[in-house]
Amino acid sequence: MNGRNSEHFRGWEYLLFAAAAVFTLLLSVCVGSVSIPFKTTVSVIWKAVCGQPQPAGTAPAILLTSRLPRVLAVMLVGASLSLCGGAMQGLLKNPLADGSTLGVSSGASLGAVIAIAFGITIPSLPFAGTVVMAMVFAFCSLLIILGLAYKLDFSLSTNTIILIGVIFSMFASSVMSIVITFSGEKLRSITFWTMGSLQGTSYANVLVLLAALILFGGVILLHARELNAFAVGEENARHVGVNVRRVKLIILIAVSGLIGVCVSIGGTIGFVGLVTPHMVRLLVGPNHKRLLPASLFGGGIFLMLSDLIARILLNPKELPIGVVTSIIGAVAFVYIYGSSRKGR
């Protein structure tokens, strides 16, 4: 892609990524157990946006009630996880980092599993109990991890945070296993949820994901310049006037909040935040002012295609989306890692 050294996305680059995302969204909406013609799909969605009456038939119900909210949620989750992964890789200067590196994903998963297992809900908002529990546990996990890292290393070095995060992930996984053991009739839904699934997603879920992406994702995007400095090294960041500890805490909190919301709604979906920023980096380069916006689009496209495969591969049965992303992500990561080694 030309203009790799420019700081910000150019207009035509936004248009290119946006067009790819819209085409993938429409493809994902019209293809499924019941395929609907592309022209009909566009017409139904356009009439819904304009508030016009829909034609008779089952197509509007299938598209607007079931598929569209699901695909929108998938796109937002993919964009959020990819953005978090790109930010974590720059912040920790570690190509293997993503949102799960901190252990925050494990903490959020634990909170969501507890909510599902014990039926914790909020009146009039049934899904909100899982969202709130996941976010609370995500933030509590972050506080525990940073607190322990601070006790061991006042400077909050990257290696210390990663080490504490890995240890905490193991602990959270153990507690989760205990909760699942006593979950009784909720075992099947919890097991399917832990493999990642956005089946049955509503427009309310979409609004929650969109609000979280605007709030927390906006904070991450505003710190692209600081992430460029971190990618070179923390000492370099200090030399150029970055308040290392403050910026690190802000980004970690934003990543934790965004992951907490994604995990509560979509379950555990691996490899999106790890692989997608690497693939996007090959197109737009390492500058976070270009990499982070591109990661948003790339993550949304990647997860929509993965969800499409999960829905049609074993039709009429449906695979958990986390299974598909893990298989694709593992193969892609091996290829990317091998290519980088050859390049060196």
Protein backbone atom coordinates (compact mmCIF):
# COMPACT_ATOMS: atom_id res chain seq x y z
CA MET A 1 0.00 0.00 0.00
CA ASN A 2 1.43 3.33 -1.04
CA GLY A 3 2.00 6.09 1.47
CA ARG A 4 3.08 3.69 4.20
CA ASN A 5 5.24 6.32 5.84
CA SER A 6 2.45 8.89 6.16
CA GLU A 7 1.18 9.33 9.69
CA HIS A 8 -2.56 9.01 9.23
CA PHE A 9 -4.96 7.07 7.07
CA ARG A 10 -5.72 8.71 3.76
CA GLY A 11 -9.31 9.09 2.63
CA TRP A 12 -9.10 6.42 -0.05
CA GLU A 13 -7.67 3.94 2.45
CA TYR A 14 -10.67 4.46 4.75
CA LEU A 15 -12.97 4.00 1.78
CA LEU A 16 -11.20 0.79 0.73
CA PHE A 17 -11.38 -0.76 4.20
CA ALA A 18 -14.95 0.44 4.73
CA ALA A 19 -16.07 -0.98 1.38
CA ALA A 20 -14.48 -4.35 2.23
CA ALA A 21 -16.21 -4.34 5.64
CA VAL A 22 -19.64 -3.45 4.16
CA PHE A 23 -19.33 -6.11 1.44
CA THR A 24 -18.34 -8.74 4.02
CA LEU A 25 -21.25 -7.69 6.25
CA LEU A 26 -23.77 -8.01 3.41
CA LEU A 27 -22.28 -11.36 2.35
CA SER A 28 -22.51 -12.66 5.93
CA VAL A 29 -26.11 -11.49 6.23
CA CYS A 30 -27.41 -13.04 3.01
CA VAL A 31 -25.59 -16.40 3.28
CA GLY A 32 -26.68 -18.99 5.84
CA SER A 33 -28.87 -22.04 6.36
CA VAL A 34 -31.41 -20.21 4.18
CA SER A 35 -29.63 -18.22 1.48
CA ILE A 36 -31.24 -14.93 0.48
CA PRO A 37 -30.35 -13.15 -2.79
CA PHE A 38 -27.91 -10.28 -2.46
CA LYS A 39 -30.31 -7.83 -4.12
CA THR A 40 -33.11 -8.76 -1.71
CA THR A 41 -30.78 -8.40 1.27
CA VAL A 42 -29.71 -4.90 0.24
CA SER A 43 -33.33 -3.91 -0.43
CA VAL A 44 -34.60 -5.15 2.94
CA ILE A 45 -31.82 -3.44 4.90
CA TRP A 46 -32.22 -0.19 2.94
CA LYS A 47 -35.99 -0.12 3.57
CA ALA A 48 -35.40 -0.83 7.26
CA VAL A 49 -32.94 2.08 7.48
CA CYS A 50 -35.36 4.42 5.66
CA GLY A 51 -38.37 3.23 7.68
CA GLN A 52 -40.23 1.97 4.62
CA PRO A 53 -42.67 -0.99 4.74
CA GLN A 54 -41.13 -4.39 4.08
CA PRO A 55 -42.32 -6.82 1.38
CA ALA A 56 -44.24 -9.94 2.36
CA GLY A 57 -42.29 -13.13 3.00
CA THR A 58 -39.83 -14.60 5.47
CA ALA A 59 -36.74 -12.73 4.20
CA PRO A 60 -37.26 -9.53 6.26
CA ALA A 61 -37.81 -11.53 9.46
CA ILE A 62 -34.72 -13.68 8.91
CA LEU A 63 -32.49 -10.77 7.95
CA LEU A 64 -33.60 -8.13 10.44
CA THR A 65 -34.45 -10.27 13.47
CA SER A 66 -31.76 -12.93 13.38
CA ARG A 67 -28.84 -12.34 11.04
CA LEU A 68 -28.28 -8.58 11.00
CA PRO A 69 -27.93 -8.09 14.78
CA ARG A 70 -25.67 -11.13 14.97
CA VAL A 71 -23.39 -10.01 12.14
CA LEU A 72 -23.22 -6.45 13.52
CA ALA A 73 -22.23 -7.85 16.93
CA VAL A 74 -19.62 -10.12 15.31
CA MET A 75 -18.14 -7.16 13.43
CA LEU A 76 -17.93 -5.01 16.58
CA VAL A 77 -16.40 -7.80 18.67
CA GLY A 78 -13.80 -8.50 15.98
CA ALA A 79 -12.95 -4.81 15.65
CA SER A 80 -12.65 -4.43 19.44
CA LEU A 81 -10.48 -7.50 19.99
CA SER A 82 -8.19 -6.57 17.10
CA LEU A 83 -7.83 -3.01 18.37
CA CYS A 84 -6.96 -4.30 21.85
CA GLY A 85 -4.42 -6.70 20.38
CA GLY A 86 -2.70 -3.99 18.35
CA ALA A 87 -2.56 -1.71 21.39
CA MET A 88 -1.17 -4.44 23.66
CA GLN A 89 1.51 -5.45 21.16
CA GLY A 90 2.69 -1.85 20.95
CA LEU A 91 2.40 -1.16 24.67
CA LEU A 92 4.22 -4.31 25.81
CA LYS A 93 6.54 -4.41 22.80
CA ASN A 94 5.69 -8.07 22.44
CA PRO A 95 4.42 -9.64 19.17
CA LEU A 96 2.69 -12.41 21.16
CA ALA A 97 0.65 -9.97 23.24
CA ASP A 98 -3.09 -9.48 22.95
CA GLY A 99 -5.97 -8.79 25.29
CA SER A 100 -5.56 -12.15 27.00
CA THR A 101 -1.91 -11.49 27.86
CA LEU A 102 -2.87 -9.54 30.98
CA GLY A 103 -5.17 -12.24 32.26
CA VAL A 104 -8.07 -9.82 31.90
CA SER A 105 -9.88 -12.11 29.44
CA SER A 106 -9.69 -14.95 31.95
CA GLY A 107 -11.03 -12.68 34.68
CA ALA A 108 -13.89 -11.48 32.48
CA SER A 109 -14.69 -15.07 31.50
CA LEU A 110 -14.79 -16.07 35.17
CA GLY A 111 -17.27 -13.29 35.94
CA ALA A 112 -19.49 -14.23 32.99
CA VAL A 113 -19.41 -17.94 33.87
CA ILE A 114 -20.43 -17.16 37.47
CA ALA A 115 -23.32 -15.03 36.17
CA ILE A 116 -24.50 -17.81 33.83
CA ALA A 117 -24.04 -20.61 36.38
CA PHE A 118 -25.90 -18.83 39.18
CA GLY A 119 -28.44 -17.02 37.01
CA ILE A 120 -27.34 -13.51 37.98
CA THR A 121 -29.47 -11.02 36.06
CA ILE A 122 -30.63 -7.41 36.19
CA PRO A 123 -34.44 -6.87 36.06
CA SER A 124 -35.70 -5.93 32.57
CA LEU A 125 -32.19 -6.47 31.16
CA PRO A 126 -31.50 -10.24 31.33
CA PHE A 127 -28.18 -10.13 29.47
CA ALA A 128 -26.89 -7.19 31.53
CA GLY A 129 -26.06 -9.43 34.48
CA THR A 130 -23.43 -11.24 32.43
CA VAL A 131 -22.08 -7.98 31.00
CA VAL A 132 -21.80 -6.31 34.39
CA MET A 133 -20.20 -9.35 36.05
CA ALA A 134 -17.68 -9.71 33.20
CA MET A 135 -16.72 -6.03 33.35
CA VAL A 136 -16.46 -6.03 37.16
CA PHE A 137 -14.25 -9.12 37.14
CA ALA A 138 -12.18 -7.69 34.27
CA PHE A 139 -11.45 -4.52 36.24
CA CYS A 140 -10.87 -6.45 39.48
CA SER A 141 -8.44 -8.71 37.59
CA LEU A 142 -6.61 -5.66 36.31
CA LEU A 143 -6.38 -4.18 39.82
CA ILE A 144 -5.05 -7.46 41.23
CA ILE A 145 -2.51 -7.89 38.43
CA LEU A 146 -1.26 -4.29 38.58
CA GLY A 147 -1.23 -4.37 42.39
CA LEU A 148 0.92 -7.49 42.48
CA ALA A 149 3.16 -6.16 39.71
CA TYR A 150 3.56 -2.88 41.62
CA LYS A 151 4.55 -4.77 44.79
CA LEU A 152 7.16 -6.77 42.89
CA ASP A 153 8.35 -3.99 40.59
CA PHE A 154 7.61 -0.33 41.34
CA SER A 155 8.28 0.65 37.72
CA LEU A 156 5.56 -1.73 36.43
CA SER A 157 7.90 -3.21 33.83
CA THR A 158 6.42 -5.10 30.90
CA ASN A 159 7.95 -8.47 31.82
CA THR A 160 6.53 -8.31 35.35
CA ILE A 161 3.02 -7.47 34.10
CA ILE A 162 3.12 -10.33 31.56
CA LEU A 163 4.35 -12.82 34.18
CA ILE A 164 1.67 -11.85 36.71
CA GLY A 165 -0.94 -11.94 33.92
CA VAL A 166 -0.03 -15.51 32.95
CA ILE A 167 -0.14 -16.66 36.58
CA PHE A 168 -3.49 -14.96 37.15
CA SER A 169 -4.92 -16.59 33.98
CA MET A 170 -4.05 -20.02 35.37
CA PHE A 171 -5.68 -19.16 38.69
CA ALA A 172 -8.85 -17.81 37.02
CA SER A 173 -9.09 -20.89 34.80
CA SER A 174 -8.88 -23.15 37.85
CA VAL A 175 -11.67 -21.26 39.64
CA MET A 176 -13.74 -21.36 36.45
CA SER A 177 -13.35 -25.14 36.30
CA ILE A 178 -14.67 -25.41 39.86
CA VAL A 179 -17.69 -23.23 39.02
CA ILE A 180 -18.41 -25.30 35.88
CA THR A 181 -18.22 -28.51 37.93
CA PHE A 182 -21.12 -27.34 40.10
CA SER A 183 -23.09 -25.61 37.31
CA GLY A 184 -25.57 -28.49 36.91
CA GLU A 185 -28.02 -27.99 34.06
CA LYS A 186 -26.16 -24.83 32.95
CA LEU A 187 -23.12 -26.90 31.92
CA ARG A 188 -24.00 -27.15 28.24
CA SER A 189 -24.66 -23.42 27.75
CA ILE A 190 -21.48 -22.51 29.66
CA THR A 191 -19.38 -24.95 27.63
CA PHE A 192 -20.72 -23.59 24.34
CA TRP A 193 -20.23 -20.03 25.55
CA THR A 194 -16.59 -20.63 26.59
CA MET A 195 -15.85 -21.74 23.01
CA GLY A 196 -17.15 -18.43 21.71
CA SER A 197 -20.59 -17.86 20.24
CA LEU A 198 -22.69 -14.88 19.18
CA GLN A 199 -25.78 -16.92 18.40
CA GLY A 200 -28.99 -15.18 19.42
CA THR A 201 -27.38 -11.75 19.74
CA SER A 202 -29.85 -8.85 19.95
CA TYR A 203 -29.75 -5.20 18.94
CA ALA A 204 -29.36 -4.36 22.63
CA ASN A 205 -26.09 -6.31 22.62
CA VAL A 206 -25.02 -4.41 19.51
CA LEU A 207 -25.65 -1.07 21.22
CA VAL A 208 -23.63 -2.13 24.27
CA LEU A 209 -20.72 -3.23 22.07
CA LEU A 210 -20.89 -0.02 20.03
CA ALA A 211 -20.92 2.16 23.14
CA ALA A 212 -17.95 0.26 24.61
CA LEU A 213 -15.99 0.55 21.35
CA ILE A 214 -16.64 4.29 21.09
CA LEU A 215 -15.70 4.91 24.74
CA PHE A 216 -12.76 2.58 25.35
CA GLY A 217 -11.67 2.28 21.71
CA GLY A 218 -11.62 6.06 21.40
CA VAL A 219 -9.25 6.27 24.37
CA ILE A 220 -6.91 3.75 22.74
CA LEU A 221 -6.97 5.53 19.38
CA LEU A 222 -6.17 8.86 21.04
CA HIS A 223 -2.96 7.34 22.43
CA ALA A 224 -1.58 6.15 19.08
CA ARG A 225 1.38 8.57 19.29
CA GLU A 226 2.34 7.27 22.73
CA LEU A 227 2.08 3.68 21.50
CA ASN A 228 4.55 4.52 18.72
CA ALA A 229 6.98 5.63 21.41
CA PHE A 230 6.34 2.49 23.50
CA ALA A 231 6.98 0.27 20.47
CA VAL A 232 10.56 1.54 20.37
CA GLY A 233 11.02 1.16 24.13
CA GLU A 234 9.90 2.63 27.44
CA GLU A 235 13.12 4.61 27.81
CA ASN A 236 12.54 6.17 24.41
CA ALA A 237 8.98 7.02 25.45
CA ARG A 238 10.28 8.83 28.55
CA HIS A 239 12.82 10.76 26.49
CA VAL A 240 10.12 12.11 24.17
CA GLY A 241 8.02 13.29 27.12
CA VAL A 242 5.54 10.43 27.60
CA ASN A 243 4.33 9.81 31.14
CA VAL A 244 4.99 6.08 30.92
CA ARG A 245 3.11 4.88 34.00
CA ARG A 246 0.07 7.10 33.40
CA VAL A 247 -0.30 6.19 29.73
CA LYS A 248 0.27 2.50 30.47
CA LEU A 249 -2.48 2.50 33.11
CA ILE A 250 -4.93 4.37 30.86
CA ILE A 251 -4.44 1.95 27.96
CA LEU A 252 -4.59 -1.12 30.21
CA ILE A 253 -7.85 0.09 31.75
CA ALA A 254 -9.35 0.85 28.31
CA VAL A 255 -8.31 -2.58 27.00
CA SER A 256 -9.74 -4.28 30.09
CA GLY A 257 -13.09 -2.54 29.78
CA LEU A 258 -13.42 -3.31 26.09
CA ILE A 259 -12.44 -6.96 26.52
CA GLY A 260 -14.82 -7.32 29.45
CA VAL A 261 -17.78 -6.26 27.31
CA CYS A 262 -16.72 -8.46 24.35
CA VAL A 263 -16.21 -11.55 26.52
CA SER A 264 -19.52 -11.07 28.32
CA ILE A 265 -21.46 -11.06 25.03
CA GLY A 266 -19.39 -13.28 22.71
CA GLY A 267 -17.57 -15.61 25.06
CA THR A 268 -13.91 -16.55 24.69
CA ILE A 269 -12.80 -15.90 21.10
CA GLY A 270 -9.10 -16.45 20.63
CA PHE A 271 -6.47 -15.36 18.12
CA VAL A 272 -8.38 -12.33 16.74
CA GLY A 273 -6.37 -9.84 18.77
CA LEU A 274 -3.16 -11.79 18.21
CA VAL A 275 -3.17 -12.46 14.47
CA THR A 276 -5.21 -9.66 12.88
CA PRO A 277 -2.85 -6.79 13.86
CA HIS A 278 0.04 -8.80 12.37
CA MET A 279 -1.81 -9.26 9.06
CA VAL A 280 -2.83 -5.60 8.97
CA ARG A 281 0.71 -4.48 9.82
CA LEU A 282 1.90 -6.12 6.58
CA LEU A 283 -0.42 -3.75 4.67
CA VAL A 284 -0.11 -0.42 6.48
CA GLY A 285 3.15 -0.66 8.40
CA PRO A 286 3.91 -0.34 12.14
CA ASN A 287 2.78 3.26 12.71
CA HIS A 288 -0.05 3.01 15.24
CA LYS A 289 -1.80 6.06 13.79
CA ARG A 290 -2.47 3.88 10.76
CA LEU A 291 -2.26 0.43 12.34
CA LEU A 292 -5.00 0.91 14.96
CA PRO A 293 -7.73 2.18 12.57
CA ALA A 294 -6.79 -0.54 10.08
CA SER A 295 -6.97 -3.14 12.87
CA LEU A 296 -10.54 -2.07 13.59
CA PHE A 297 -11.59 -2.84 10.03
CA GLY A 298 -9.39 -5.92 9.70
CA GLY A 299 -10.67 -7.48 12.93
CA GLY A 300 -14.29 -6.91 11.97
CA ILE A 301 -13.78 -8.46 8.53
CA PHE A 302 -11.81 -11.42 9.92
CA LEU A 303 -14.41 -12.31 12.55
CA MET A 304 -17.36 -11.88 10.16
CA LEU A 305 -15.74 -14.33 7.73
CA SER A 306 -14.97 -16.72 10.60
CA ASP A 307 -18.58 -16.54 11.78
CA LEU A 308 -19.79 -17.19 8.23
CA ILE A 309 -17.63 -20.31 8.05
CA ALA A 310 -18.88 -21.43 11.47
CA ARG A 311 -22.50 -21.15 10.25
CA ILE A 312 -22.23 -22.86 6.86
CA LEU A 313 -19.38 -25.39 7.18
CA LEU A 314 -21.45 -28.10 8.90
CA ASN A 315 -24.90 -26.74 8.00
CA PRO A 316 -27.44 -27.20 9.60
CA LYS A 317 -25.20 -27.57 12.66
CA GLU A 318 -23.21 -24.58 13.82
CA LEU A 319 -19.62 -24.51 15.05
CA PRO A 320 -18.59 -22.21 17.91
CA ILE A 321 -16.89 -19.21 16.34
CA GLY A 322 -13.94 -19.55 18.74
CA VAL A 323 -13.11 -22.93 17.21
CA VAL A 324 -12.93 -21.43 13.71
CA THR A 325 -10.81 -18.43 14.77
CA SER A 326 -8.40 -20.70 16.64
CA ILE A 327 -7.87 -22.94 13.60
CA ILE A 328 -7.51 -20.06 11.14
CA GLY A 329 -5.49 -18.00 13.59
CA ALA A 330 -3.05 -20.80 14.38
CA VAL A 331 -2.34 -21.44 10.69
CA ALA A 332 -2.05 -17.72 9.92
CA PHE A 333 0.23 -17.11 12.87
CA VAL A 334 2.59 -19.92 11.87
CA TYR A 335 2.71 -18.46 8.34
CA ILE A 336 3.33 -14.92 9.57
CA TYR A 337 6.00 -16.05 12.03
CA GLY A 338 7.71 -18.14 9.35
CA SER A 339 7.64 -15.25 6.87
CA SER A 340 9.13 -12.87 9.43
CA ARG A 341 11.93 -15.34 10.17
CA LYS A 342 12.73 -15.68 6.48
CA GLY A 343 12.71 -11.90 6.13
CA ARG A 344 15.33 -11.62 8.85
